[in-house]
Amino acid sequence: QVQLVESGGGLVQAGGSLRLSCAASGRTFSGVVMGWFRQAPGKEREFVAHISGSGGSTYYVDAVKGRFTVSRDNAKNTVYLQMNNLKPEDTAVYYCAARIVATYAYWGQGTQVTVSS
């Protein structure tokens, strides 16, 4: 059974940092694009960043460019999202997802990130 489990969320003051982890199990994800998404209260889920299967290519939404860094350790089947200089508008539930062919087919349960002003 494929499972993605996020961790590392929490409460942090504006300007602080958090590192989210997404541990995958049930199959290898080394060749799979992995994405991070977030959903703020009352808003639709939005894309944040993704990383290629090898880790050699990344992409970020403009709102987080220069502050967030996505990385992966394929030996550990784990993807990370380093979030620096956090802002209150970054408050959301963060999800990781695995893209199979053209669809994000597997999703984690999410981890809450709250940034206080």
PDB file of N, CA and C in Angstrom:
ATOM      1  N   GLN A   1       0.850  -1.189   0.000  1.00  0.00           N
ATOM      2  CA  GLN A   1       0.000   0.000   0.000  1.00  0.00           C
ATOM      3  C   GLN A   1       0.885   1.239   0.000  1.00  0.00           C
ATOM      4  N   VAL A   2       0.642   2.116  -0.951  1.00  0.00           N
ATOM      5  CA  VAL A   2       1.427   3.347  -1.054  1.00  0.00           C
ATOM      6  C   VAL A   2       0.976   4.331   0.008  1.00  0.00           C
ATOM      7  N   GLN A   3       1.955   4.939   0.675  1.00  0.00           N
ATOM      8  CA  GLN A   3       1.629   5.896   1.724  1.00  0.00           C
ATOM      9  C   GLN A   3       2.627   7.039   1.707  1.00  0.00           C
ATOM     10  N   LEU A   4       2.124   8.250   1.850  1.00  0.00           N
ATOM     11  CA  LEU A   4       2.948   9.441   2.009  1.00  0.00           C
ATOM     12  C   LEU A   4       2.611  10.052   3.350  1.00  0.00           C
ATOM     13  N   VAL A   5       3.633  10.331   4.148  1.00  0.00           N
ATOM     14  CA  VAL A   5       3.408  10.872   5.487  1.00  0.00           C
ATOM     15  C   VAL A   5       4.234  12.130   5.659  1.00  0.00           C
ATOM     16  N   GLU A   6       3.545  13.249   5.853  1.00  0.00           N
ATOM     17  CA  GLU A   6       4.227  14.514   6.092  1.00  0.00           C
ATOM     18  C   GLU A   6       4.477  14.711   7.588  1.00  0.00           C
ATOM     19  N   SER A   7       5.527  15.446   7.879  1.00  0.00           N
ATOM     20  CA  SER A   7       5.832  15.820   9.250  1.00  0.00           C
ATOM     21  C   SER A   7       6.630  17.110   9.248  1.00  0.00           C
ATOM     22  N   GLY A   8       6.770  17.701  10.425  1.00  0.00           N
ATOM     23  CA  GLY A   8       7.597  18.896  10.549  1.00  0.00           C
ATOM     24  C   GLY A   8       6.839  20.194  10.663  1.00  0.00           C
ATOM     25  N   GLY A   9       5.514  20.147  10.563  1.00  0.00           N
ATOM     26  CA  GLY A   9       4.740  21.363  10.711  1.00  0.00           C
ATOM     27  C   GLY A   9       4.738  21.851  12.148  1.00  0.00           C
ATOM     28  N   GLY A  10       4.181  23.038  12.338  1.00  0.00           N
ATOM     29  CA  GLY A  10       4.117  23.581  13.683  1.00  0.00           C
ATOM     30  C   GLY A  10       3.793  25.051  13.661  1.00  0.00           C
ATOM     31  N   LEU A  11       3.989  25.672  14.827  1.00  0.00           N
ATOM     32  CA  LEU A  11       3.737  27.095  15.000  1.00  0.00           C
ATOM     33  C   LEU A  11       5.076  27.827  15.034  1.00  0.00           C
ATOM     34  N   VAL A  12       5.198  28.860  14.235  1.00  0.00           N
ATOM     35  CA  VAL A  12       6.445  29.615  14.170  1.00  0.00           C
ATOM     36  C   VAL A  12       6.112  31.096  13.993  1.00  0.00           C
ATOM     37  N   GLN A  13       6.983  31.948  14.487  1.00  0.00           N
ATOM     38  CA  GLN A  13       6.798  33.380  14.310  1.00  0.00           C
ATOM     39  C   GLN A  13       7.214  33.805  12.906  1.00  0.00           C
ATOM     40  N   ALA A  14       6.637  34.887  12.458  1.00  0.00           N
ATOM     41  CA  ALA A  14       7.021  35.426  11.154  1.00  0.00           C
ATOM     42  C   ALA A  14       8.530  35.647  11.107  1.00  0.00           C
ATOM     43  N   GLY A  15       9.119  35.267   9.980  1.00  0.00           N
ATOM     44  CA  GLY A  15      10.560  35.343   9.827  1.00  0.00           C
ATOM     45  C   GLY A  15      11.280  34.066  10.196  1.00  0.00           C
ATOM     46  N   GLY A  16      10.567  33.141  10.802  1.00  0.00           N
ATOM     47  CA  GLY A  16      11.167  31.880  11.220  1.00  0.00           C
ATOM     48  C   GLY A  16      11.218  30.867  10.103  1.00  0.00           C
ATOM     49  N   SER A  17      11.677  29.666  10.463  1.00  0.00           N
ATOM     50  CA  SER A  17      11.867  28.600   9.482  1.00  0.00           C
ATOM     51  C   SER A  17      11.258  27.295   9.978  1.00  0.00           C
ATOM     52  N   LEU A  18      10.873  26.479   9.045  1.00  0.00           N
ATOM     53  CA  LEU A  18      10.434  25.114   9.305  1.00  0.00           C
ATOM     54  C   LEU A  18      10.923  24.235   8.163  1.00  0.00           C
ATOM     55  N   ARG A  19      11.128  22.962   8.473  1.00  0.00           N
ATOM     56  CA  ARG A  19      11.488  21.999   7.444  1.00  0.00           C
ATOM     57  C   ARG A  19      10.468  20.878   7.471  1.00  0.00           C
ATOM     58  N   LEU A  20       9.736  20.750   6.386  1.00  0.00           N
ATOM     59  CA  LEU A  20       8.760  19.676   6.258  1.00  0.00           C
ATOM     60  C   LEU A  20       9.403  18.466   5.602  1.00  0.00           C
ATOM     61  N   SER A  21       8.962  17.301   6.023  1.00  0.00           N
ATOM     62  CA  SER A  21       9.419  16.049   5.426  1.00  0.00           C
ATOM     63  C   SER A  21       8.219  15.286   4.903  1.00  0.00           C
ATOM     64  N   CYS A  22       8.451  14.521   3.873  1.00  0.00           N
ATOM     65  CA  CYS A  22       7.415  13.646   3.310  1.00  0.00           C
ATOM     66  C   CYS A  22       8.059  12.292   3.067  1.00  0.00           C
ATOM     67  N   ALA A  23       7.695  11.339   3.890  1.00  0.00           N
ATOM     68  CA  ALA A  23       8.253   9.996   3.788  1.00  0.00           C
ATOM     69  C   ALA A  23       7.312   9.103   3.000  1.00  0.00           C
ATOM     70  N   ALA A  24       7.847   8.461   1.981  1.00  0.00           N
ATOM     71  CA  ALA A  24       7.045   7.600   1.120  1.00  0.00           C
ATOM     72  C   ALA A  24       7.320   6.137   1.419  1.00  0.00           C
ATOM     73  N   SER A  25       6.297   5.329   1.311  1.00  0.00           N
ATOM     74  CA  SER A  25       6.457   3.893   1.504  1.00  0.00           C
ATOM     75  C   SER A  25       5.502   3.160   0.578  1.00  0.00           C
ATOM     76  N   GLY A  26       5.773   1.900   0.378  1.00  0.00           N
ATOM     77  CA  GLY A  26       4.901   1.082  -0.455  1.00  0.00           C
ATOM     78  C   GLY A  26       5.387   0.915  -1.877  1.00  0.00           C
ATOM     79  N   ARG A  27       6.270   1.793  -2.309  1.00  0.00           N
ATOM     80  CA  ARG A  27       6.911   1.677  -3.618  1.00  0.00           C
ATOM     81  C   ARG A  27       8.049   2.685  -3.635  1.00  0.00           C
ATOM     82  N   THR A  28       8.921   2.568  -4.608  1.00  0.00           N
ATOM     83  CA  THR A  28       9.988   3.544  -4.722  1.00  0.00           C
ATOM     84  C   THR A  28       9.494   4.750  -5.529  1.00  0.00           C
ATOM     85  N   PHE A  29       9.893   5.922  -5.088  1.00  0.00           N
ATOM     86  CA  PHE A  29       9.507   7.145  -5.764  1.00  0.00           C
ATOM     87  C   PHE A  29      10.701   7.855  -6.391  1.00  0.00           C
ATOM     88  N   SER A  30      11.799   7.123  -6.569  1.00  0.00           N
ATOM     89  CA  SER A  30      13.018   7.778  -7.019  1.00  0.00           C
ATOM     90  C   SER A  30      12.894   8.381  -8.412  1.00  0.00           C
ATOM     91  N   GLY A  31      12.008   7.850  -9.249  1.00  0.00           N
ATOM     92  CA  GLY A  31      11.861   8.404 -10.591  1.00  0.00           C
ATOM     93  C   GLY A  31      10.609   9.227 -10.762  1.00  0.00           C
ATOM     94  N   VAL A  32      10.013   9.614  -9.653  1.00  0.00           N
ATOM     95  CA  VAL A  32       8.695  10.240  -9.681  1.00  0.00           C
ATOM     96  C   VAL A  32       8.790  11.705  -9.283  1.00  0.00           C
ATOM     97  N   VAL A  33       8.125  12.553 -10.035  1.00  0.00           N
ATOM     98  CA  VAL A  33       8.025  13.952  -9.636  1.00  0.00           C
ATOM     99  C   VAL A  33       7.204  14.040  -8.349  1.00  0.00           C
ATOM    100  N   MET A  34       7.731  14.789  -7.404  1.00  0.00           N
ATOM    101  CA  MET A  34       7.043  14.979  -6.129  1.00  0.00           C
ATOM    102  C   MET A  34       6.688  16.456  -5.969  1.00  0.00           C
ATOM    103  N   GLY A  35       5.480  16.700  -5.532  1.00  0.00           N
ATOM    104  CA  GLY A  35       5.028  18.069  -5.371  1.00  0.00           C
ATOM    105  C   GLY A  35       4.627  18.387  -3.943  1.00  0.00           C
ATOM    106  N   TRP A  36       4.691  19.699  -3.642  1.00  0.00           N
ATOM    107  CA  TRP A  36       4.154  20.206  -2.377  1.00  0.00           C
ATOM    108  C   TRP A  36       3.010  21.160  -2.698  1.00  0.00           C
ATOM    109  N   PHE A  37       1.942  21.027  -1.951  1.00  0.00           N
ATOM    110  CA  PHE A  37       0.772  21.870  -2.095  1.00  0.00           C
ATOM    111  C   PHE A  37       0.402  22.417  -0.725  1.00  0.00           C
ATOM    112  N   ARG A  38      -0.461  23.409  -0.697  1.00  0.00           N
ATOM    113  CA  ARG A  38      -0.955  23.908   0.584  1.00  0.00           C
ATOM    114  C   ARG A  38      -2.388  24.383   0.431  1.00  0.00           C
ATOM    115  N   GLN A  39      -3.096  24.347   1.555  1.00  0.00           N
ATOM    116  CA  GLN A  39      -4.474  24.818   1.575  1.00  0.00           C
ATOM    117  C   GLN A  39      -4.689  25.652   2.825  1.00  0.00           C
ATOM    118  N   ALA A  40      -4.957  26.921   2.614  1.00  0.00           N
ATOM    119  CA  ALA A  40      -5.237  27.840   3.721  1.00  0.00           C
ATOM    120  C   ALA A  40      -6.725  27.793   4.041  1.00  0.00           C
ATOM    121  N   PRO A  41      -7.099  28.169   5.256  1.00  0.00           N
ATOM    122  CA  PRO A  41      -8.521  28.149   5.632  1.00  0.00           C
ATOM    123  C   PRO A  41      -9.369  28.969   4.665  1.00  0.00           C
ATOM    124  N   GLY A  42     -10.436  28.358   4.177  1.00  0.00           N
ATOM    125  CA  GLY A  42     -11.351  29.055   3.290  1.00  0.00           C
ATOM    126  C   GLY A  42     -10.870  29.227   1.865  1.00  0.00           C
ATOM    127  N   LYS A  43      -9.723  28.639   1.551  1.00  0.00           N
ATOM    128  CA  LYS A  43      -9.169  28.777   0.201  1.00  0.00           C
ATOM    129  C   LYS A  43      -8.988  27.412  -0.439  1.00  0.00           C
ATOM    130  N   GLU A  44      -8.832  27.435  -1.754  1.00  0.00           N
ATOM    131  CA  GLU A  44      -8.588  26.190  -2.475  1.00  0.00           C
ATOM    132  C   GLU A  44      -7.137  25.761  -2.288  1.00  0.00           C
ATOM    133  N   ARG A  45      -6.908  24.483  -2.442  1.00  0.00           N
ATOM    134  CA  ARG A  45      -5.543  23.975  -2.389  1.00  0.00           C
ATOM    135  C   ARG A  45      -4.746  24.549  -3.551  1.00  0.00           C
ATOM    136  N   GLU A  46      -3.506  24.948  -3.273  1.00  0.00           N
ATOM    137  CA  GLU A  46      -2.681  25.534  -4.317  1.00  0.00           C
ATOM    138  C   GLU A  46      -1.321  24.847  -4.384  1.00  0.00           C
ATOM    139  N   PHE A  47      -0.765  24.839  -5.578  1.00  0.00           N
ATOM    140  CA  PHE A  47       0.552  24.278  -5.808  1.00  0.00           C
ATOM    141  C   PHE A  47       1.617  25.184  -5.196  1.00  0.00           C
ATOM    142  N   VAL A  48       2.647  24.579  -4.615  1.00  0.00           N
ATOM    143  CA  VAL A  48       3.743  25.332  -4.020  1.00  0.00           C
ATOM    144  C   VAL A  48       5.055  25.098  -4.775  1.00  0.00           C
ATOM    145  N   ALA A  49       5.402  23.829  -4.959  1.00  0.00           N
ATOM    146  CA  ALA A  49       6.693  23.510  -5.590  1.00  0.00           C
ATOM    147  C   ALA A  49       6.686  22.065  -6.032  1.00  0.00           C
ATOM    148  N   HIS A  50       7.590  21.744  -6.963  1.00  0.00           N
ATOM    149  CA  HIS A  50       7.809  20.336  -7.263  1.00  0.00           C
ATOM    150  C   HIS A  50       9.283  20.088  -7.565  1.00  0.00           C
ATOM    151  N   ILE A  51       9.637  18.819  -7.534  1.00  0.00           N
ATOM    152  CA  ILE A  51      11.014  18.415  -7.778  1.00  0.00           C
ATOM    153  C   ILE A  51      10.994  17.190  -8.669  1.00  0.00           C
ATOM    154  N   SER A  52      11.916  17.139  -9.611  1.00  0.00           N
ATOM    155  CA  SER A  52      11.985  16.015 -10.539  1.00  0.00           C
ATOM    156  C   SER A  52      12.427  14.748  -9.818  1.00  0.00           C
ATOM    157  N   GLY A  53      12.287  13.628 -10.515  1.00  0.00           N
ATOM    158  CA  GLY A  53      12.618  12.348  -9.919  1.00  0.00           C
ATOM    159  C   GLY A  53      14.068  12.237  -9.469  1.00  0.00           C
ATOM    160  N   SER A  54      14.957  12.852 -10.213  1.00  0.00           N
ATOM    161  CA  SER A  54      16.378  12.813  -9.860  1.00  0.00           C
ATOM    162  C   SER A  54      16.762  13.888  -8.857  1.00  0.00           C
ATOM    163  N   GLY A  55      15.891  14.869  -8.710  1.00  0.00           N
ATOM    164  CA  GLY A  55      16.207  16.014  -7.851  1.00  0.00           C
ATOM    165  C   GLY A  55      16.926  17.129  -8.570  1.00  0.00           C
ATOM    166  N   GLY A  56      17.185  16.956  -9.848  1.00  0.00           N
ATOM    167  CA  GLY A  56      17.960  17.936 -10.588  1.00  0.00           C
ATOM    168  C   GLY A  56      17.181  19.145 -11.057  1.00  0.00           C
ATOM    169  N   SER A  57      15.885  19.070 -10.987  1.00  0.00           N
ATOM    170  CA  SER A  57      15.053  20.173 -11.460  1.00  0.00           C
ATOM    171  C   SER A  57      13.980  20.484 -10.427  1.00  0.00           C
ATOM    172  N   THR A  58      13.792  21.763 -10.176  1.00  0.00           N
ATOM    173  CA  THR A  58      12.770  22.194  -9.238  1.00  0.00           C
ATOM    174  C   THR A  58      11.971  23.356  -9.831  1.00  0.00           C
ATOM    175  N   TYR A  59      10.803  23.562  -9.288  1.00  0.00           N
ATOM    176  CA  TYR A  59       9.947  24.666  -9.733  1.00  0.00           C
ATOM    177  C   TYR A  59       9.157  25.161  -8.540  1.00  0.00           C
ATOM    178  N   TYR A  60       9.011  26.505  -8.470  1.00  0.00           N
ATOM    179  CA  TYR A  60       8.315  27.112  -7.340  1.00  0.00           C
ATOM    180  C   TYR A  60       7.274  28.114  -7.818  1.00  0.00           C
ATOM    181  N   VAL A  61       6.214  28.218  -7.064  1.00  0.00           N
ATOM    182  CA  VAL A  61       5.259  29.285  -7.313  1.00  0.00           C
ATOM    183  C   VAL A  61       5.918  30.597  -6.893  1.00  0.00           C
ATOM    184  N   ASP A  62       5.548  31.696  -7.537  1.00  0.00           N
ATOM    185  CA  ASP A  62       6.217  32.976  -7.289  1.00  0.00           C
ATOM    186  C   ASP A  62       6.190  33.381  -5.819  1.00  0.00           C
ATOM    187  N   ALA A  63       5.110  33.051  -5.123  1.00  0.00           N
ATOM    188  CA  ALA A  63       4.939  33.498  -3.740  1.00  0.00           C
ATOM    189  C   ALA A  63       5.996  32.946  -2.793  1.00  0.00           C
ATOM    190  N   VAL A  64       6.646  31.859  -3.173  1.00  0.00           N
ATOM    191  CA  VAL A  64       7.619  31.240  -2.265  1.00  0.00           C
ATOM    192  C   VAL A  64       9.038  31.232  -2.817  1.00  0.00           C
ATOM    193  N   LYS A  65       9.212  31.707  -4.035  1.00  0.00           N
ATOM    194  CA  LYS A  65      10.548  31.716  -4.639  1.00  0.00           C
ATOM    195  C   LYS A  65      11.521  32.506  -3.772  1.00  0.00           C
ATOM    196  N   GLY A  66      12.691  31.941  -3.583  1.00  0.00           N
ATOM    197  CA  GLY A  66      13.712  32.593  -2.778  1.00  0.00           C
ATOM    198  C   GLY A  66      13.571  32.347  -1.290  1.00  0.00           C
ATOM    199  N   ARG A  67      12.452  31.775  -0.866  1.00  0.00           N
ATOM    200  CA  ARG A  67      12.229  31.482   0.560  1.00  0.00           C
ATOM    201  C   ARG A  67      12.126  29.989   0.833  1.00  0.00           C
ATOM    202  N   PHE A  68      11.548  29.246  -0.096  1.00  0.00           N
ATOM    203  CA  PHE A  68      11.350  27.807   0.077  1.00  0.00           C
ATOM    204  C   PHE A  68      12.316  27.054  -0.833  1.00  0.00           C
ATOM    205  N   THR A  69      12.753  25.892  -0.354  1.00  0.00           N
ATOM    206  CA  THR A  69      13.610  25.014  -1.145  1.00  0.00           C
ATOM    207  C   THR A  69      13.112  23.588  -1.022  1.00  0.00           C
ATOM    208  N   VAL A  70      12.863  22.966  -2.161  1.00  0.00           N
ATOM    209  CA  VAL A  70      12.437  21.567  -2.174  1.00  0.00           C
ATOM    210  C   VAL A  70      13.652  20.701  -2.518  1.00  0.00           C
ATOM    211  N   SER A  71      13.771  19.598  -1.825  1.00  0.00           N
ATOM    212  CA  SER A  71      14.876  18.666  -2.065  1.00  0.00           C
ATOM    213  C   SER A  71      14.382  17.250  -1.810  1.00  0.00           C
ATOM    214  N   ARG A  72      15.219  16.293  -2.141  1.00  0.00           N
ATOM    215  CA  ARG A  72      14.812  14.903  -1.924  1.00  0.00           C
ATOM    216  C   ARG A  72      16.034  14.051  -1.661  1.00  0.00           C
ATOM    217  N   ASP A  73      15.795  12.961  -0.946  1.00  0.00           N
ATOM    218  CA  ASP A  73      16.799  11.937  -0.697  1.00  0.00           C
ATOM    219  C   ASP A  73      16.185  10.630  -1.168  1.00  0.00           C
ATOM    220  N   ASN A  74      16.533  10.216  -2.362  1.00  0.00           N
ATOM    221  CA  ASN A  74      15.898   9.027  -2.928  1.00  0.00           C
ATOM    222  C   ASN A  74      16.298   7.748  -2.176  1.00  0.00           C
ATOM    223  N   ALA A  75      17.444   7.754  -1.556  1.00  0.00           N
ATOM    224  CA  ALA A  75      17.848   6.586  -0.769  1.00  0.00           C
ATOM    225  C   ALA A  75      16.913   6.394   0.427  1.00  0.00           C
ATOM    226  N   LYS A  76      16.359   7.506   0.911  1.00  0.00           N
ATOM    227  CA  LYS A  76      15.438   7.449   2.045  1.00  0.00           C
ATOM    228  C   LYS A  76      13.983   7.541   1.609  1.00  0.00           C
ATOM    229  N   ASN A  77      13.749   7.663   0.303  1.00  0.00           N
ATOM    230  CA  ASN A  77      12.384   7.801  -0.213  1.00  0.00           C
ATOM    231  C   ASN A  77      11.661   8.964   0.478  1.00  0.00           C
ATOM    232  N   THR A  78      12.383  10.061   0.634  1.00  0.00           N
ATOM    233  CA  THR A  78      11.869  11.209   1.389  1.00  0.00           C
ATOM    234  C   THR A  78      12.094  12.496   0.607  1.00  0.00           C
ATOM    235  N   VAL A  79      11.104  13.372   0.679  1.00  0.00           N
ATOM    236  CA  VAL A  79      11.172  14.694   0.060  1.00  0.00           C
ATOM    237  C   VAL A  79      11.044  15.737   1.168  1.00  0.00           C
ATOM    238  N   TYR A  80      11.724  16.851   0.983  1.00  0.00           N
ATOM    239  CA  TYR A  80      11.741  17.884   2.008  1.00  0.00           C
ATOM    240  C   TYR A  80      11.283  19.222   1.432  1.00  0.00           C
ATOM    241  N   LEU A  81      10.772  20.056   2.299  1.00  0.00           N
ATOM    242  CA  LEU A  81      10.467  21.437   1.939  1.00  0.00           C
ATOM    243  C   LEU A  81      11.024  22.326   3.046  1.00  0.00           C
ATOM    244  N   GLN A  82      12.134  22.986   2.746  1.00  0.00           N
ATOM    245  CA  GLN A  82      12.723  23.928   3.691  1.00  0.00           C
ATOM    246  C   GLN A  82      12.058  25.276   3.475  1.00  0.00           C
ATOM    247  N   MET A  83      11.476  25.811   4.529  1.00  0.00           N
ATOM    248  CA  MET A  83      10.738  27.070   4.438  1.00  0.00           C
ATOM    249  C   MET A  83      11.396  28.100   5.337  1.00  0.00           C
ATOM    250  N   ASN A  84      11.930  29.137   4.730  1.00  0.00           N
ATOM    251  CA  ASN A  84      12.594  30.198   5.467  1.00  0.00           C
ATOM    252  C   ASN A  84      11.817  31.505   5.334  1.00  0.00           C
ATOM    253  N   ASN A  85      12.109  32.433   6.222  1.00  0.00           N
ATOM    254  CA  ASN A  85      11.461  33.747   6.205  1.00  0.00           C
ATOM    255  C   ASN A  85       9.943  33.600   6.056  1.00  0.00           C
ATOM    256  N   LEU A  86       9.378  32.779   6.896  1.00  0.00           N
ATOM    257  CA  LEU A  86       7.950  32.495   6.809  1.00  0.00           C
ATOM    258  C   LEU A  86       7.116  33.736   7.100  1.00  0.00           C
ATOM    259  N   LYS A  87       5.987  33.815   6.423  1.00  0.00           N
ATOM    260  CA  LYS A  87       5.062  34.934   6.550  1.00  0.00           C
ATOM    261  C   LYS A  87       3.709  34.417   7.025  1.00  0.00           C
ATOM    262  N   PRO A  88       2.910  35.267   7.658  1.00  0.00           N
ATOM    263  CA  PRO A  88       1.576  34.806   8.094  1.00  0.00           C
ATOM    264  C   PRO A  88       0.748  34.223   6.949  1.00  0.00           C
ATOM    265  N   GLU A  89       0.932  34.734   5.748  1.00  0.00           N
ATOM    266  CA  GLU A  89       0.170  34.210   4.609  1.00  0.00           C
ATOM    267  C   GLU A  89       0.626  32.825   4.171  1.00  0.00           C
ATOM    268  N   ASP A  90       1.685  32.312   4.753  1.00  0.00           N
ATOM    269  CA  ASP A  90       2.105  30.933   4.492  1.00  0.00           C
ATOM    270  C   ASP A  90       1.340  29.937   5.366  1.00  0.00           C
ATOM    271  N   THR A  91       0.537  30.435   6.290  1.00  0.00           N
ATOM    272  CA  THR A  91      -0.246  29.556   7.149  1.00  0.00           C
ATOM    273  C   THR A  91      -1.195  28.704   6.317  1.00  0.00           C
ATOM    274  N   ALA A  92      -1.095  27.396   6.490  1.00  0.00           N
ATOM    275  CA  ALA A  92      -1.893  26.459   5.692  1.00  0.00           C
ATOM    276  C   ALA A  92      -1.589  25.038   6.145  1.00  0.00           C
ATOM    277  N   VAL A  93      -2.395  24.120   5.653  1.00  0.00           N
ATOM    278  CA  VAL A  93      -2.043  22.711   5.737  1.00  0.00           C
ATOM    279  C   VAL A  93      -1.222  22.384   4.492  1.00  0.00           C
ATOM    280  N   TYR A  94      -0.056  21.806   4.699  1.00  0.00           N
ATOM    281  CA  TYR A  94       0.844  21.476   3.601  1.00  0.00           C
ATOM    282  C   TYR A  94       0.768  19.983   3.299  1.00  0.00           C
ATOM    283  N   TYR A  95       0.667  19.682   2.008  1.00  0.00           N
ATOM    284  CA  TYR A  95       0.553  18.315   1.543  1.00  0.00           C
ATOM    285  C   TYR A  95       1.675  17.997   0.559  1.00  0.00           C
ATOM    286  N   CYS A  96       2.171  16.774   0.612  1.00  0.00           N
ATOM    287  CA  CYS A  96       3.039  16.304  -0.456  1.00  0.00           C
ATOM    288  C   CYS A  96       2.228  15.332  -1.320  1.00  0.00           C
ATOM    289  N   ALA A  97       2.669  15.210  -2.568  1.00  0.00           N
ATOM    290  CA  ALA A  97       1.962  14.360  -3.503  1.00  0.00           C
ATOM    291  C   ALA A  97       2.931  13.807  -4.526  1.00  0.00           C
ATOM    292  N   ALA A  98       2.627  12.633  -5.046  1.00  0.00           N
ATOM    293  CA  ALA A  98       3.455  11.982  -6.052  1.00  0.00           C
ATOM    294  C   ALA A  98       2.740  12.013  -7.391  1.00  0.00           C
ATOM    295  N   ARG A  99       3.470  12.476  -8.412  1.00  0.00           N
ATOM    296  CA  ARG A  99       2.871  12.590  -9.739  1.00  0.00           C
ATOM    297  C   ARG A  99       3.189  11.350 -10.556  1.00  0.00           C
ATOM    298  N   ILE A 100       2.162  10.599 -10.893  1.00  0.00           N
ATOM    299  CA  ILE A 100       2.287   9.388 -11.701  1.00  0.00           C
ATOM    300  C   ILE A 100       1.728   9.705 -13.077  1.00  0.00           C
ATOM    301  N   VAL A 101       2.584   9.643 -14.090  1.00  0.00           N
ATOM    302  CA  VAL A 101       2.262  10.085 -15.461  1.00  0.00           C
ATOM    303  C   VAL A 101       1.936  11.567 -15.364  1.00  0.00           C
ATOM    304  N   ALA A 102       0.714  11.964 -15.531  1.00  0.00           N
ATOM    305  CA  ALA A 102       0.391  13.389 -15.535  1.00  0.00           C
ATOM    306  C   ALA A 102      -0.509  13.787 -14.372  1.00  0.00           C
ATOM    307  N   THR A 103      -0.688  12.912 -13.421  1.00  0.00           N
ATOM    308  CA  THR A 103      -1.636  13.159 -12.338  1.00  0.00           C
ATOM    309  C   THR A 103      -0.969  12.964 -10.985  1.00  0.00           C
ATOM    310  N   TYR A 104      -1.276  13.871 -10.051  1.00  0.00           N
ATOM    311  CA  TYR A 104      -0.829  13.648  -8.681  1.00  0.00           C
ATOM    312  C   TYR A 104      -1.761  12.587  -8.087  1.00  0.00           C
ATOM    313  N   ALA A 105      -1.256  11.347  -8.095  1.00  0.00           N
ATOM    314  CA  ALA A 105      -2.103  10.204  -7.766  1.00  0.00           C
ATOM    315  C   ALA A 105      -2.093   9.833  -6.292  1.00  0.00           C
ATOM    316  N   TYR A 106      -1.010  10.178  -5.607  1.00  0.00           N
ATOM    317  CA  TYR A 106      -0.883   9.827  -4.198  1.00  0.00           C
ATOM    318  C   TYR A 106      -0.676  11.098  -3.388  1.00  0.00           C
ATOM    319  N   TRP A 107      -1.382  11.163  -2.245  1.00  0.00           N
ATOM    320  CA  TRP A 107      -1.327  12.344  -1.399  1.00  0.00           C
ATOM    321  C   TRP A 107      -1.102  11.937   0.047  1.00  0.00           C
ATOM    322  N   GLY A 108      -0.405  12.791   0.778  1.00  0.00           N
ATOM    323  CA  GLY A 108      -0.290  12.596   2.211  1.00  0.00           C
ATOM    324  C   GLY A 108      -1.480  13.194   2.926  1.00  0.00           C
ATOM    325  N   GLN A 109      -1.468  13.076   4.242  1.00  0.00           N
ATOM    326  CA  GLN A 109      -2.596  13.541   5.051  1.00  0.00           C
ATOM    327  C   GLN A 109      -2.474  15.012   5.415  1.00  0.00           C
ATOM    328  N   GLY A 110      -1.284  15.576   5.202  1.00  0.00           N
ATOM    329  CA  GLY A 110      -1.081  16.990   5.465  1.00  0.00           C
ATOM    330  C   GLY A 110      -0.469  17.265   6.829  1.00  0.00           C
ATOM    331  N   THR A 111       0.218  18.397   6.915  1.00  0.00           N
ATOM    332  CA  THR A 111       0.776  18.855   8.178  1.00  0.00           C
ATOM    333  C   THR A 111       0.507  20.355   8.297  1.00  0.00           C
ATOM    334  N   GLN A 112       0.080  20.778   9.478  1.00  0.00           N
ATOM    335  CA  GLN A 112      -0.322  22.166   9.692  1.00  0.00           C
ATOM    336  C   GLN A 112       0.898  23.055   9.925  1.00  0.00           C
ATOM    337  N   VAL A 113       0.937  24.151   9.206  1.00  0.00           N
ATOM    338  CA  VAL A 113       1.942  25.189   9.423  1.00  0.00           C
ATOM    339  C   VAL A 113       1.208  26.470   9.788  1.00  0.00           C
ATOM    340  N   THR A 114       1.541  27.023  10.935  1.00  0.00           N
ATOM    341  CA  THR A 114       0.923  28.262  11.380  1.00  0.00           C
ATOM    342  C   THR A 114       2.017  29.290  11.650  1.00  0.00           C
ATOM    343  N   VAL A 115       1.902  30.441  11.007  1.00  0.00           N
ATOM    344  CA  VAL A 115       2.894  31.499  11.155  1.00  0.00           C
ATOM    345  C   VAL A 115       2.221  32.690  11.838  1.00  0.00           C
ATOM    346  N   SER A 116       2.719  33.030  13.006  1.00  0.00           N
ATOM    347  CA  SER A 116       2.132  34.144  13.754  1.00  0.00           C
ATOM    348  C   SER A 116       2.855  35.448  13.412  1.00  0.00           C
ATOM    349  N   SER A 117       2.118  36.522  13.462  1.00  0.00           N
ATOM    350  CA  SER A 117       2.705  37.832  13.112  1.00  0.00           C
ATOM    351  C   SER A 117       3.277  38.534  14.332  1.00  0.00           C
TER     352      SER A 117
END
